[in-house]
Amino acid sequence: MPMKPEVTEEKIILGIDPGTNNMGVGVIACRKENIRVVAMDVLKLEKLSDHALKLERIFNTVLRSIDAFHPDELAIESPFYGKNVQSMLKLGRAQGVAIAAALHRKIPVFEYSPRKIKQSITGKGGASKEQVASMLYRILQIEGVPDNLDITDALAVALCHHYQGDRSAGSGKAYSGWKAFLSKHPERLSR
């Protein structure tokens, strides 16, 4: 009896870097280790003074992104704990509105800490935004440098989710350093 060829579905992941001044949006398509950027953009909100209007714009932008790209899953960066409580509350609201939009369209949501995202992309949880962006250019073969790091942060969230596979958010292996990370992920340098 002839064997059927393995059919692998392409998975679309919408990555969101929430923010009340800039919200990064990144969409990737993944089929095993073949990953391509579908879309990347930033929603600029700094000119809006009313926080409620910003939240409405975030909600509508996420809905439009879902309707345009039909993602299978949404990956979003969790708010980090800073010294300014008001900023953290606003960021949490922005994240909540983006999650609500995904749930409204019945899209599963996965949340990752900034440290987890950075470690997943660079092997170092304390990597800078610039280091994450530089690694993304190599991995995703991005042509043209986005002028806003919120865009690359959104792509990093989506790629982090892809790398997690079926593991739940927040799980995974910690690496002792860059060499240990690369020994487990040699494909990261082959591009």
N, C-alpha and C. Protein backbone atom coordinates (compact mmCIF):
# COMPACT_ATOMS: atom_id res chain seq x y z
N MET A 1 0.85 -1.18 0.00
CA MET A 1 0.00 0.00 0.00
C MET A 1 0.90 1.25 0.00
N PRO A 2 0.71 2.16 -0.94
CA PRO A 2 1.56 3.36 -0.99
C PRO A 2 1.29 4.27 0.21
N MET A 3 2.36 4.90 0.66
CA MET A 3 2.24 5.82 1.80
C MET A 3 1.79 7.18 1.29
N LYS A 4 0.93 7.79 2.06
CA LYS A 4 0.48 9.13 1.72
C LYS A 4 1.55 10.13 2.15
N PRO A 5 1.80 11.15 1.32
CA PRO A 5 2.76 12.17 1.75
C PRO A 5 2.20 12.92 2.95
N GLU A 6 3.11 13.31 3.82
CA GLU A 6 2.71 14.06 5.00
C GLU A 6 2.23 15.45 4.59
N VAL A 7 1.04 15.79 5.03
CA VAL A 7 0.48 17.10 4.74
C VAL A 7 0.62 17.95 6.01
N THR A 8 1.26 19.05 5.87
CA THR A 8 1.45 19.94 7.01
C THR A 8 0.72 21.24 6.73
N GLU A 9 -0.19 21.56 7.58
CA GLU A 9 -0.94 22.81 7.42
C GLU A 9 -0.08 24.01 7.79
N GLU A 10 -0.32 25.09 7.12
CA GLU A 10 0.34 26.33 7.46
C GLU A 10 -0.42 26.98 8.60
N LYS A 11 0.30 27.42 9.61
CA LYS A 11 -0.31 28.09 10.75
C LYS A 11 -0.01 29.58 10.65
N ILE A 12 -1.03 30.39 10.82
CA ILE A 12 -0.88 31.85 10.82
C ILE A 12 -0.94 32.31 12.27
N ILE A 13 0.07 33.08 12.67
CA ILE A 13 0.14 33.60 14.04
C ILE A 13 0.16 35.12 13.98
N LEU A 14 -0.76 35.72 14.71
CA LEU A 14 -0.81 37.18 14.86
C LEU A 14 -0.11 37.53 16.16
N GLY A 15 0.96 38.30 16.07
CA GLY A 15 1.70 38.74 17.25
C GLY A 15 1.37 40.20 17.56
N ILE A 16 1.15 40.48 18.84
CA ILE A 16 0.82 41.83 19.26
C ILE A 16 1.77 42.27 20.37
N ASP A 17 2.37 43.44 20.18
CA ASP A 17 3.13 44.11 21.22
C ASP A 17 2.26 45.27 21.68
N PRO A 18 1.50 45.08 22.78
CA PRO A 18 0.52 46.09 23.16
C PRO A 18 1.17 47.37 23.67
N GLY A 19 0.48 48.46 23.45
CA GLY A 19 0.95 49.74 23.94
C GLY A 19 -0.13 50.79 23.75
N THR A 20 -0.07 51.84 24.54
CA THR A 20 -1.07 52.90 24.41
C THR A 20 -0.56 54.06 23.56
N ASN A 21 0.72 54.07 23.23
CA ASN A 21 1.25 55.05 22.29
C ASN A 21 1.54 54.41 20.94
N ASN A 22 2.12 53.22 20.96
CA ASN A 22 2.40 52.44 19.75
C ASN A 22 2.07 50.98 20.03
N MET A 23 1.34 50.36 19.13
CA MET A 23 1.06 48.93 19.25
C MET A 23 1.63 48.24 18.02
N GLY A 24 2.57 47.33 18.24
CA GLY A 24 3.16 46.57 17.15
C GLY A 24 2.26 45.43 16.75
N VAL A 25 2.18 45.20 15.44
CA VAL A 25 1.39 44.10 14.89
C VAL A 25 2.29 43.35 13.92
N GLY A 26 2.38 42.03 14.11
CA GLY A 26 3.18 41.20 13.22
C GLY A 26 2.44 39.91 12.91
N VAL A 27 2.45 39.51 11.67
CA VAL A 27 1.78 38.28 11.25
C VAL A 27 2.80 37.40 10.55
N ILE A 28 2.91 36.16 11.02
CA ILE A 28 3.80 35.21 10.38
C ILE A 28 3.02 33.96 9.96
N ALA A 29 3.50 33.30 8.93
CA ALA A 29 2.95 32.03 8.48
C ALA A 29 4.02 30.98 8.68
N CYS A 30 3.66 29.86 9.30
CA CYS A 30 4.63 28.83 9.66
C CYS A 30 4.19 27.47 9.14
N ARG A 31 5.11 26.81 8.53
CA ARG A 31 4.93 25.40 8.14
C ARG A 31 6.23 24.72 8.56
N LYS A 32 6.19 24.05 9.71
CA LYS A 32 7.37 23.46 10.33
C LYS A 32 8.40 24.56 10.55
N GLU A 33 9.60 24.40 9.99
CA GLU A 33 10.64 25.42 10.17
C GLU A 33 10.63 26.48 9.09
N ASN A 34 9.71 26.40 8.15
CA ASN A 34 9.59 27.41 7.10
C ASN A 34 8.68 28.52 7.62
N ILE A 35 9.27 29.66 7.88
CA ILE A 35 8.55 30.78 8.48
C ILE A 35 8.69 31.99 7.56
N ARG A 36 7.55 32.65 7.31
CA ARG A 36 7.62 33.86 6.48
C ARG A 36 6.78 34.96 7.11
N VAL A 37 7.22 36.18 6.90
CA VAL A 37 6.48 37.34 7.39
C VAL A 37 5.36 37.63 6.41
N VAL A 38 4.14 37.71 6.92
CA VAL A 38 2.98 38.03 6.10
C VAL A 38 2.71 39.53 6.15
N ALA A 39 2.80 40.10 7.34
CA ALA A 39 2.53 41.54 7.50
C ALA A 39 3.20 42.04 8.78
N MET A 40 3.52 43.31 8.78
CA MET A 40 4.05 43.96 9.97
C MET A 40 3.72 45.44 9.89
N ASP A 41 3.31 45.98 11.04
CA ASP A 41 2.91 47.38 11.07
C ASP A 41 2.91 47.87 12.51
N VAL A 42 2.70 49.14 12.66
CA VAL A 42 2.55 49.74 13.99
C VAL A 42 1.34 50.65 13.97
N LEU A 43 0.55 50.54 15.01
CA LEU A 43 -0.59 51.44 15.20
C LEU A 43 -0.10 52.58 16.09
N LYS A 44 -0.08 53.79 15.55
CA LYS A 44 0.41 54.95 16.30
C LYS A 44 -0.77 55.64 16.96
N LEU A 45 -0.69 55.76 18.26
CA LEU A 45 -1.81 56.29 19.04
C LEU A 45 -1.46 57.54 19.84
N GLU A 46 -0.22 58.01 19.75
CA GLU A 46 0.20 59.12 20.62
C GLU A 46 -0.57 60.42 20.38
N LYS A 47 -1.15 60.58 19.20
CA LYS A 47 -1.89 61.83 18.92
C LYS A 47 -3.28 61.84 19.54
N LEU A 48 -3.76 60.66 19.96
CA LEU A 48 -5.07 60.60 20.63
C LEU A 48 -4.88 60.89 22.11
N SER A 49 -5.62 61.85 22.64
CA SER A 49 -5.47 62.19 24.06
C SER A 49 -6.43 61.41 24.95
N ASP A 50 -7.51 60.94 24.40
CA ASP A 50 -8.52 60.21 25.18
C ASP A 50 -8.16 58.72 25.22
N HIS A 51 -7.91 58.20 26.44
CA HIS A 51 -7.50 56.80 26.60
C HIS A 51 -8.57 55.84 26.07
N ALA A 52 -9.84 56.16 26.26
CA ALA A 52 -10.91 55.30 25.78
C ALA A 52 -10.89 55.19 24.24
N LEU A 53 -10.58 56.28 23.57
CA LEU A 53 -10.48 56.24 22.10
C LEU A 53 -9.31 55.38 21.65
N LYS A 54 -8.21 55.42 22.41
CA LYS A 54 -7.07 54.56 22.09
C LYS A 54 -7.47 53.09 22.20
N LEU A 55 -8.21 52.76 23.26
CA LEU A 55 -8.64 51.38 23.45
C LEU A 55 -9.57 50.93 22.33
N GLU A 56 -10.46 51.82 21.92
CA GLU A 56 -11.36 51.50 20.81
C GLU A 56 -10.56 51.25 19.53
N ARG A 57 -9.56 52.08 19.27
CA ARG A 57 -8.73 51.93 18.07
C ARG A 57 -7.95 50.61 18.11
N ILE A 58 -7.45 50.24 19.29
CA ILE A 58 -6.74 48.97 19.44
C ILE A 58 -7.68 47.80 19.13
N PHE A 59 -8.86 47.83 19.72
CA PHE A 59 -9.85 46.77 19.52
C PHE A 59 -10.16 46.61 18.03
N ASN A 60 -10.46 47.72 17.37
CA ASN A 60 -10.82 47.68 15.95
C ASN A 60 -9.65 47.25 15.06
N THR A 61 -8.44 47.65 15.42
CA THR A 61 -7.26 47.26 14.64
C THR A 61 -7.02 45.76 14.74
N VAL A 62 -7.15 45.21 15.93
CA VAL A 62 -6.97 43.77 16.10
C VAL A 62 -8.06 43.01 15.33
N LEU A 63 -9.30 43.49 15.41
CA LEU A 63 -10.37 42.85 14.64
C LEU A 63 -10.08 42.89 13.14
N ARG A 64 -9.64 44.03 12.64
CA ARG A 64 -9.32 44.15 11.20
C ARG A 64 -8.18 43.21 10.81
N SER A 65 -7.19 43.10 11.68
CA SER A 65 -6.05 42.21 11.41
C SER A 65 -6.51 40.76 11.36
N ILE A 66 -7.39 40.40 12.28
CA ILE A 66 -7.93 39.03 12.30
C ILE A 66 -8.75 38.78 11.03
N ASP A 67 -9.58 39.72 10.66
CA ASP A 67 -10.42 39.56 9.47
C ASP A 67 -9.59 39.53 8.18
N ALA A 68 -8.48 40.25 8.16
CA ALA A 68 -7.65 40.31 6.96
C ALA A 68 -6.75 39.08 6.81
N PHE A 69 -6.18 38.58 7.91
CA PHE A 69 -5.16 37.54 7.82
C PHE A 69 -5.61 36.16 8.32
N HIS A 70 -6.77 36.10 8.96
CA HIS A 70 -7.33 34.84 9.45
C HIS A 70 -6.33 34.02 10.26
N PRO A 71 -5.78 34.62 11.33
CA PRO A 71 -4.80 33.87 12.12
C PRO A 71 -5.45 32.70 12.86
N ASP A 72 -4.64 31.67 13.06
CA ASP A 72 -5.07 30.52 13.85
C ASP A 72 -4.96 30.82 15.34
N GLU A 73 -3.99 31.67 15.70
CA GLU A 73 -3.73 31.98 17.10
C GLU A 73 -3.20 33.41 17.23
N LEU A 74 -3.41 33.98 18.41
CA LEU A 74 -2.86 35.30 18.72
C LEU A 74 -1.87 35.12 19.86
N ALA A 75 -0.69 35.67 19.68
CA ALA A 75 0.33 35.69 20.74
C ALA A 75 0.53 37.15 21.14
N ILE A 76 0.58 37.39 22.43
CA ILE A 76 0.67 38.76 22.93
C ILE A 76 1.67 38.84 24.06
N GLU A 77 2.38 39.96 24.11
CA GLU A 77 3.33 40.18 25.20
C GLU A 77 2.58 40.61 26.44
N SER A 78 2.94 40.00 27.57
CA SER A 78 2.31 40.38 28.83
C SER A 78 2.94 41.68 29.34
N PRO A 79 2.18 42.46 30.09
CA PRO A 79 2.74 43.72 30.61
C PRO A 79 3.88 43.43 31.57
N PHE A 80 4.90 44.27 31.51
CA PHE A 80 6.00 44.13 32.45
C PHE A 80 5.73 45.04 33.65
N TYR A 81 6.31 44.68 34.75
CA TYR A 81 6.08 45.44 35.98
C TYR A 81 7.10 46.56 36.07
N GLY A 82 6.62 47.78 35.98
CA GLY A 82 7.48 48.95 36.05
C GLY A 82 7.19 49.73 37.32
N LYS A 83 7.85 50.84 37.45
CA LYS A 83 7.68 51.67 38.64
C LYS A 83 6.44 52.54 38.55
N ASN A 84 6.00 52.86 37.34
CA ASN A 84 4.86 53.74 37.17
C ASN A 84 3.57 52.90 37.08
N VAL A 85 2.80 52.92 38.14
CA VAL A 85 1.59 52.11 38.23
C VAL A 85 0.56 52.53 37.19
N GLN A 86 0.41 53.83 36.95
CA GLN A 86 -0.57 54.30 35.97
C GLN A 86 -0.24 53.80 34.56
N SER A 87 1.04 53.83 34.21
CA SER A 87 1.45 53.33 32.89
C SER A 87 1.16 51.84 32.77
N MET A 88 1.43 51.11 33.84
CA MET A 88 1.18 49.67 33.82
C MET A 88 -0.31 49.37 33.68
N LEU A 89 -1.15 50.14 34.37
CA LEU A 89 -2.60 49.95 34.25
C LEU A 89 -3.07 50.21 32.83
N LYS A 90 -2.58 51.28 32.22
CA LYS A 90 -2.97 51.60 30.84
C LYS A 90 -2.50 50.52 29.88
N LEU A 91 -1.29 50.02 30.08
CA LEU A 91 -0.76 48.96 29.24
C LEU A 91 -1.59 47.68 29.40
N GLY A 92 -1.98 47.38 30.64
CA GLY A 92 -2.83 46.21 30.90
C GLY A 92 -4.18 46.33 30.21
N ARG A 93 -4.72 47.53 30.19
CA ARG A 93 -6.00 47.74 29.48
C ARG A 93 -5.84 47.52 27.98
N ALA A 94 -4.73 48.04 27.44
CA ALA A 94 -4.47 47.85 26.00
C ALA A 94 -4.35 46.37 25.67
N GLN A 95 -3.64 45.64 26.52
CA GLN A 95 -3.50 44.22 26.31
C GLN A 95 -4.86 43.52 26.41
N GLY A 96 -5.64 43.90 27.41
CA GLY A 96 -6.96 43.30 27.61
C GLY A 96 -7.89 43.52 26.43
N VAL A 97 -7.85 44.70 25.87
CA VAL A 97 -8.70 45.02 24.72
C VAL A 97 -8.28 44.18 23.50
N ALA A 98 -6.97 44.03 23.29
CA ALA A 98 -6.49 43.20 22.18
C ALA A 98 -6.91 41.75 22.37
N ILE A 99 -6.82 41.25 23.59
CA ILE A 99 -7.24 39.88 23.90
C ILE A 99 -8.74 39.74 23.68
N ALA A 100 -9.51 40.73 24.13
CA ALA A 100 -10.97 40.69 23.96
C ALA A 100 -11.35 40.62 22.48
N ALA A 101 -10.63 41.36 21.63
CA ALA A 101 -10.91 41.33 20.20
C ALA A 101 -10.66 39.93 19.63
N ALA A 102 -9.57 39.30 20.05
CA ALA A 102 -9.27 37.95 19.58
C ALA A 102 -10.32 36.96 20.07
N LEU A 103 -10.71 37.07 21.32
CA LEU A 103 -11.72 36.17 21.86
C LEU A 103 -13.08 36.40 21.19
N HIS A 104 -13.34 37.64 20.83
CA HIS A 104 -14.58 37.97 20.11
C HIS A 104 -14.66 37.22 18.78
N ARG A 105 -13.50 37.01 18.16
CA ARG A 105 -13.44 36.28 16.88
C ARG A 105 -13.09 34.80 17.09
N LYS A 106 -13.13 34.35 18.35
CA LYS A 106 -12.87 32.93 18.69
C LYS A 106 -11.46 32.48 18.33
N ILE A 107 -10.49 33.38 18.48
CA ILE A 107 -9.08 33.07 18.22
C ILE A 107 -8.42 32.76 19.56
N PRO A 108 -7.73 31.60 19.69
CA PRO A 108 -7.02 31.29 20.93
C PRO A 108 -5.91 32.31 21.19
N VAL A 109 -5.72 32.64 22.47
CA VAL A 109 -4.75 33.65 22.87
C VAL A 109 -3.67 33.01 23.74
N PHE A 110 -2.42 33.38 23.47
CA PHE A 110 -1.28 32.91 24.24
C PHE A 110 -0.46 34.13 24.66
N GLU A 111 -0.07 34.15 25.91
CA GLU A 111 0.62 35.31 26.49
C GLU A 111 2.03 34.91 26.90
N TYR A 112 2.99 35.79 26.60
CA TYR A 112 4.39 35.52 26.92
C TYR A 112 5.01 36.74 27.59
N SER A 113 5.85 36.48 28.56
CA SER A 113 6.56 37.57 29.24
C SER A 113 7.64 38.12 28.32
N PRO A 114 8.01 39.39 28.51
CA PRO A 114 9.08 39.96 27.69
C PRO A 114 10.37 39.13 27.78
N ARG A 115 10.68 38.64 28.96
CA ARG A 115 11.90 37.84 29.16
C ARG A 115 11.84 36.53 28.36
N LYS A 116 10.68 35.88 28.36
CA LYS A 116 10.51 34.63 27.62
C LYS A 116 10.67 34.87 26.12
N ILE A 117 10.12 35.97 25.64
CA ILE A 117 10.21 36.30 24.21
C ILE A 117 11.67 36.53 23.82
N LYS A 118 12.36 37.34 24.60
CA LYS A 118 13.77 37.64 24.30
C LYS A 118 14.62 36.39 24.33
N GLN A 119 14.38 35.53 25.32
CA GLN A 119 15.15 34.29 25.42
C GLN A 119 14.86 33.37 24.24
N SER A 120 13.62 33.32 23.82
CA SER A 120 13.23 32.47 22.70
C SER A 120 13.89 32.90 21.39
N ILE A 121 14.05 34.20 21.21
CA ILE A 121 14.61 34.72 19.96
C ILE A 121 16.14 34.79 19.99
N THR A 122 16.71 35.25 21.10
CA THR A 122 18.16 35.49 21.15
C THR A 122 18.93 34.50 22.02
N GLY A 123 18.22 33.78 22.88
CA GLY A 123 18.90 32.91 23.83
C GLY A 123 19.22 33.61 25.14
N LYS A 124 18.94 34.91 25.21
CA LYS A 124 19.21 35.70 26.42
C LYS A 124 17.93 36.44 26.82
N GLY A 125 17.45 36.20 28.04
CA GLY A 125 16.26 36.87 28.53
C GLY A 125 16.44 38.35 28.76
N GLY A 126 17.68 38.78 28.90
CA GLY A 126 17.95 40.20 29.14
C GLY A 126 18.39 40.94 27.89
N ALA A 127 18.16 40.37 26.72
CA ALA A 127 18.58 41.01 25.46
C ALA A 127 17.86 42.34 25.26
N SER A 128 18.51 43.24 24.56
CA SER A 128 17.89 44.54 24.25
C SER A 128 16.92 44.38 23.08
N LYS A 129 16.06 45.38 22.90
CA LYS A 129 15.14 45.38 21.76
C LYS A 129 15.92 45.35 20.45
N GLU A 130 17.05 46.03 20.40
CA GLU A 130 17.88 46.07 19.20
C GLU A 130 18.47 44.69 18.89
N GLN A 131 18.87 43.95 19.94
CA GLN A 131 19.41 42.61 19.73
C GLN A 131 18.31 41.67 19.21
N VAL A 132 17.11 41.81 19.75
CA VAL A 132 15.99 41.00 19.28
C VAL A 132 15.72 41.31 17.81
N ALA A 133 15.67 42.59 17.46
CA ALA A 133 15.42 43.00 16.08
C ALA A 133 16.50 42.46 15.15
N SER A 134 17.75 42.54 15.55
CA SER A 134 18.85 42.05 14.73
C SER A 134 18.72 40.55 14.47
N MET A 135 18.38 39.78 15.48
CA MET A 135 18.21 38.34 15.32
C MET A 135 17.02 38.03 14.42
N LEU A 136 15.94 38.82 14.56
CA LEU A 136 14.76 38.61 13.71
C LEU A 136 15.08 38.84 12.24
N TYR A 137 15.93 39.83 11.94
CA TYR A 137 16.30 40.09 10.55
C TYR A 137 16.94 38.85 9.95
N ARG A 138 17.77 38.16 10.75
CA ARG A 138 18.43 36.95 10.27
C ARG A 138 17.45 35.80 10.13
N ILE A 139 16.68 35.56 11.17
CA ILE A 139 15.79 34.40 11.19
C ILE A 139 14.70 34.52 10.13
N LEU A 140 14.07 35.67 10.07
CA LEU A 140 12.92 35.86 9.18
C LEU A 140 13.32 36.44 7.83
N GLN A 141 14.58 36.75 7.66
CA GLN A 141 15.10 37.33 6.43
C GLN A 141 14.28 38.56 6.02
N ILE A 142 14.12 39.45 6.97
CA ILE A 142 13.36 40.67 6.74
C ILE A 142 14.18 41.61 5.87
N GLU A 143 13.54 42.09 4.82
CA GLU A 143 14.20 43.07 3.95
C GLU A 143 13.67 44.44 4.32
N GLY A 144 14.56 45.36 4.51
CA GLY A 144 14.17 46.70 4.93
C GLY A 144 13.96 46.70 6.44
N VAL A 145 14.58 47.63 7.08
CA VAL A 145 14.53 47.70 8.54
C VAL A 145 13.30 48.49 8.96
N PRO A 146 12.39 47.87 9.74
CA PRO A 146 11.25 48.65 10.25
C PRO A 146 11.77 49.81 11.09
N ASP A 147 11.13 50.97 10.95
CA ASP A 147 11.58 52.16 11.67
C ASP A 147 11.08 52.19 13.11
N ASN A 148 10.40 51.16 13.55
CA ASN A 148 9.81 51.15 14.88
C ASN A 148 10.03 49.78 15.51
N LEU A 149 10.67 49.73 16.67
CA LEU A 149 10.96 48.46 17.32
C LEU A 149 9.71 47.77 17.86
N ASP A 150 8.59 48.47 17.93
CA ASP A 150 7.34 47.82 18.33
C ASP A 150 6.92 46.80 17.26
N ILE A 151 7.28 47.05 16.01
CA ILE A 151 6.97 46.12 14.93
C ILE A 151 7.76 44.83 15.12
N THR A 152 9.08 44.96 15.34
CA THR A 152 9.89 43.75 15.52
C THR A 152 9.52 43.05 16.82
N ASP A 153 9.11 43.79 17.84
CA ASP A 153 8.65 43.15 19.08
C ASP A 153 7.42 42.29 18.82
N ALA A 154 6.50 42.77 17.98
CA ALA A 154 5.30 41.99 17.65
C ALA A 154 5.67 40.73 16.88
N LEU A 155 6.60 40.85 15.94
CA LEU A 155 7.06 39.67 15.21
C LEU A 155 7.75 38.68 16.15
N ALA A 156 8.49 39.22 17.12
CA ALA A 156 9.17 38.37 18.10
C ALA A 156 8.18 37.58 18.95
N VAL A 157 7.07 38.21 19.33
CA VAL A 157 6.04 37.51 20.10
C VAL A 157 5.48 36.36 19.28
N ALA A 158 5.16 36.62 18.01
CA ALA A 158 4.61 35.58 17.13
C ALA A 158 5.61 34.44 16.94
N LEU A 159 6.88 34.77 16.72
CA LEU A 159 7.90 33.76 16.52
C LEU A 159 8.15 32.97 17.80
N CYS A 160 8.15 33.63 18.93
CA CYS A 160 8.28 32.96 20.22
C CYS A 160 7.18 31.91 20.36
N HIS A 161 5.96 32.29 20.01
CA HIS A 161 4.84 31.35 20.11
C HIS A 161 5.06 30.15 19.19
N HIS A 162 5.52 30.40 17.98
CA HIS A 162 5.81 29.30 17.06
C HIS A 162 6.85 28.36 17.67
N TYR A 163 7.90 28.91 18.26
CA TYR A 163 8.96 28.10 18.84
C TYR A 163 8.46 27.28 20.03
N GLN A 164 7.41 27.74 20.68
CA GLN A 164 6.90 27.00 21.83
C GLN A 164 6.17 25.73 21.41
N GLY A 165 5.72 25.67 20.15
CA GLY A 165 5.02 24.49 19.66
C GLY A 165 3.79 24.21 20.49
N ASP A 166 3.65 22.99 20.94
CA ASP A 166 2.48 22.60 21.72
C ASP A 166 2.66 22.85 23.21
N ARG A 167 3.81 23.36 23.60
CA ARG A 167 4.02 23.63 25.03
C ARG A 167 3.20 24.83 25.45
N SER A 168 2.78 24.84 26.67
CA SER A 168 1.98 25.96 27.16
C SER A 168 2.87 27.17 27.39
N ALA A 169 2.26 28.33 27.36
CA ALA A 169 3.00 29.58 27.55
C ALA A 169 3.68 29.56 28.91
N GLY A 170 4.92 30.00 28.91
CA GLY A 170 5.66 30.07 30.16
C GLY A 170 6.46 28.83 30.44
N SER A 171 6.24 27.73 29.71
CA SER A 171 7.03 26.54 29.92
C SER A 171 8.21 26.57 28.97
N GLY A 172 9.00 25.55 29.03
CA GLY A 172 10.12 25.47 28.12
C GLY A 172 11.42 25.36 28.86
N LYS A 173 12.47 25.15 28.12
CA LYS A 173 13.78 24.91 28.68
C LYS A 173 14.55 26.21 28.80
N ALA A 174 15.24 26.34 29.90
CA ALA A 174 16.15 27.47 30.08
C ALA A 174 17.53 27.03 29.58
N TYR A 175 18.26 27.92 28.95
CA TYR A 175 19.57 27.60 28.43
C TYR A 175 20.62 28.30 29.26
N SER A 176 21.76 27.63 29.42
CA SER A 176 22.83 28.18 30.26
C SER A 176 23.59 29.30 29.56
N GLY A 177 23.43 29.43 28.28
CA GLY A 177 24.12 30.49 27.55
C GLY A 177 23.87 30.37 26.07
N TRP A 178 24.53 31.24 25.33
CA TRP A 178 24.35 31.33 23.89
C TRP A 178 24.74 30.02 23.20
N LYS A 179 25.86 29.42 23.59
CA LYS A 179 26.32 28.18 22.94
C LYS A 179 25.32 27.04 23.16
N ALA A 180 24.79 26.93 24.36
CA ALA A 180 23.80 25.88 24.65
C ALA A 180 22.54 26.11 23.82
N PHE A 181 22.14 27.36 23.70
CA PHE A 181 20.96 27.69 22.90
C PHE A 181 21.17 27.30 21.44
N LEU A 182 22.33 27.67 20.86
CA LEU A 182 22.60 27.37 19.46
C LEU A 182 22.77 25.88 19.21
N SER A 183 23.27 25.15 20.20
CA SER A 183 23.40 23.71 20.00
C SER A 183 22.04 23.04 19.85
N LYS A 184 21.01 23.61 20.47
CA LYS A 184 19.65 23.08 20.35
C LYS A 184 18.90 23.67 19.16
N HIS A 185 19.37 24.82 18.65
CA HIS A 185 18.69 25.51 17.54
C HIS A 185 19.69 25.95 16.47
N PRO A 186 20.38 25.03 15.81
CA PRO A 186 21.39 25.42 14.81
C PRO A 186 20.79 26.15 13.61
N GLU A 187 19.49 25.95 13.36
CA GLU A 187 18.86 26.61 12.21
C GLU A 187 18.83 28.12 12.36
N ARG A 188 19.01 28.65 13.56
CA ARG A 188 18.96 30.09 13.78
C ARG A 188 20.14 30.81 13.15
N LEU A 189 21.24 30.12 12.95
CA LEU A 189 22.40 30.75 12.34
C LEU A 189 22.57 30.39 10.88
N SER A 190 21.84 29.41 10.40
CA SER A 190 22.03 28.94 9.03
C SER A 190 21.40 29.86 7.99
N ARG A 191 20.71 30.89 8.42
CA ARG A 191 20.03 31.76 7.46
C ARG A 191 20.82 32.98 7.16
